[in-house]
């Protein structure tokens, strides 16, 4: 086996310019796939960030709700029906909706209002860096993320603006709560959220259901569905999957990301295959000599496969470093690239498979070698 590795290494590094071209092709391919899949995972997390941070065992929502940002409305009386069911500890109303944020300069920008009963803690801002949750109970108080200060035309805690011609004051500041639509989130009490979004009193977008300790979630869910009208009751995991599926596939965003990843795989495979084929063809006399002195076909194939594996290891190592840098550069952006350990393992397996598949063309060429060509030289 050491001899196989030595021969493969020498063949690979014989033409270093060709080797560089091969490695660049592999790196380009894997980085492209890595970024596309990283965007997929990052997008998947961004579209469910509110669901992930909501304190709820079950979500009550209008029938047909596609994602968290779908602002359909429920009647508040459904909340009291839910509270009457055994096992339900609380049903916290949440109101969401788009509104216009008017800056002190007179300019306006759209914002996404998220209102909840802050005393019950159903869906409240997290990662606070200034102010406190309790401060949002004060009149006109709102919480915003500091990454949107420039967008909102404010400087920080205590800044004022208007939503639907009503004064608001920044009483809390978060860090890292960003929207994939780039529309800033604005957190506030549920009653003020109704006023700022035009939702009538007695209506809400969701009810976040908390269960009593030991309650049977499946049984409570069945009772909710039987007693409430025109609603759906989902677990957080189910709602998360529905929202992710809607944004990634119904809107075509996921298809675009997968198409880019597929393009990267095709480009990388073609480049590596061409290089291995050319390298093998250039060394046909040497392979013919090996055949003439009695080397088995399996031994020669092992040399070619070893070349492919060396390409895979070198190319993936460089691509991994590039990917790590990209993750750091996008960490503070509206759509960060997320590369998980599982993704890295999958990409390494993909790199190896891509390079092995590319070696097939070279192996086919070697199978056609006539050992007698050694004596014709």
Foldseek 3Di string as FASTA:
>chain_A
DVVLLVLLVCLLCVPVVLNVLLLVLLLQLLLLLQQLVLLLVLVLCQQLVQLVQFPFQKKKAFPPDQAPQRQDKDFLVLQVVLVPDAFWPHWKFKAKAKWWKAAPVRDIDIAIEIAIALVVRGGFDPQWPAADSVQLVDPQEKEWEPVCCVVNVHDDAQGWIDAPNHIHGYRIYHYDNFHLVRHTYIYHHRVVSCVRHVPDPRMGGMIGTDTDPPDDPVVSLVVSVVRDPRIHMGGSVVNSVSSSCCVLPVVCVVVVSVVSSVVSLVSSLVSLLVSLQVSLVVCLLVLLQCVVVPNDLVSVLSSLLSSLVVSLVSSLVVSVVVSVVQQVVQVRPNRGRDQDPVNSVVSSVSSSVSSNVSSVSSSVVNVPRDSCVNVVD
